[in-house]
Amino acid sequence: MPNGVKKANLPQKTCLRCGKPFSWRKKWEKVWEQLKYCSEKCKKNPKK
């Protein structure tokens, strides 16, 4: 992700577990394509 990109223009995904949208973060830069869940909680807990 290039420097100077406004927060409103960051890529977004929808969590497969809870359905909430989440935005790109620097710490996810190398694994963004593999991300499916917005948090560890959603990743570990089965859907209710």
Protein backbone atom coordinates (compact mmCIF):
# COMPACT_ATOMS: atom_id res chain seq x y z
CA MET A 1 0.00 0.00 0.00
CA PRO A 2 1.56 3.30 -1.02
CA ASN A 3 2.14 6.04 1.51
CA GLY A 4 -0.29 8.92 1.50
CA VAL A 5 -3.45 6.88 0.86
CA LYS A 6 -6.44 8.31 2.71
CA LYS A 7 -8.22 6.03 5.18
CA ALA A 8 -11.43 6.29 3.18
CA ASN A 9 -9.63 4.80 0.15
CA LEU A 10 -8.11 1.74 1.86
CA PRO A 11 -9.23 -1.69 0.64
CA GLN A 12 -11.97 -3.40 2.63
CA LYS A 13 -13.12 -6.96 3.13
CA THR A 14 -16.15 -8.48 4.84
CA CYS A 15 -15.59 -10.93 7.69
CA LEU A 16 -16.83 -14.41 6.78
CA ARG A 17 -17.92 -15.07 10.38
CA CYS A 18 -19.70 -11.91 11.58
CA GLY A 19 -20.28 -10.09 8.29
CA LYS A 20 -18.73 -6.82 9.45
CA PRO A 21 -16.44 -4.89 7.10
CA PHE A 22 -12.79 -4.42 8.03
CA SER A 23 -10.14 -2.24 6.41
CA TRP A 24 -6.55 -2.85 5.35
CA ARG A 25 -3.92 -2.42 8.08
CA LYS A 26 -0.17 -2.09 7.77
CA LYS A 27 0.37 -5.20 9.94
CA TRP A 28 -1.70 -7.21 7.42
CA GLU A 29 0.27 -5.97 4.41
CA LYS A 30 1.91 -9.32 3.58
CA VAL A 31 -1.15 -11.51 4.31
CA TRP A 32 -4.03 -9.30 3.10
CA GLU A 33 -4.98 -11.70 0.30
CA GLN A 34 -5.33 -14.62 2.76
CA LEU A 35 -7.37 -12.80 5.43
CA LYS A 36 -10.93 -14.04 5.90
CA TYR A 37 -11.84 -12.87 9.41
CA CYS A 38 -11.80 -9.47 11.12
CA SER A 39 -10.32 -10.72 14.41
CA GLU A 40 -8.91 -13.71 16.25
CA LYS A 41 -12.23 -14.01 18.07
CA CYS A 42 -14.10 -14.51 14.79
CA LYS A 43 -11.41 -16.87 13.53
CA LYS A 44 -11.63 -19.15 16.58
CA ASN A 45 -15.35 -19.10 17.43
CA PRO A 46 -17.94 -21.05 15.44
CA LYS A 47 -20.78 -19.05 13.91
CA LYS A 48 -23.83 -18.79 16.13
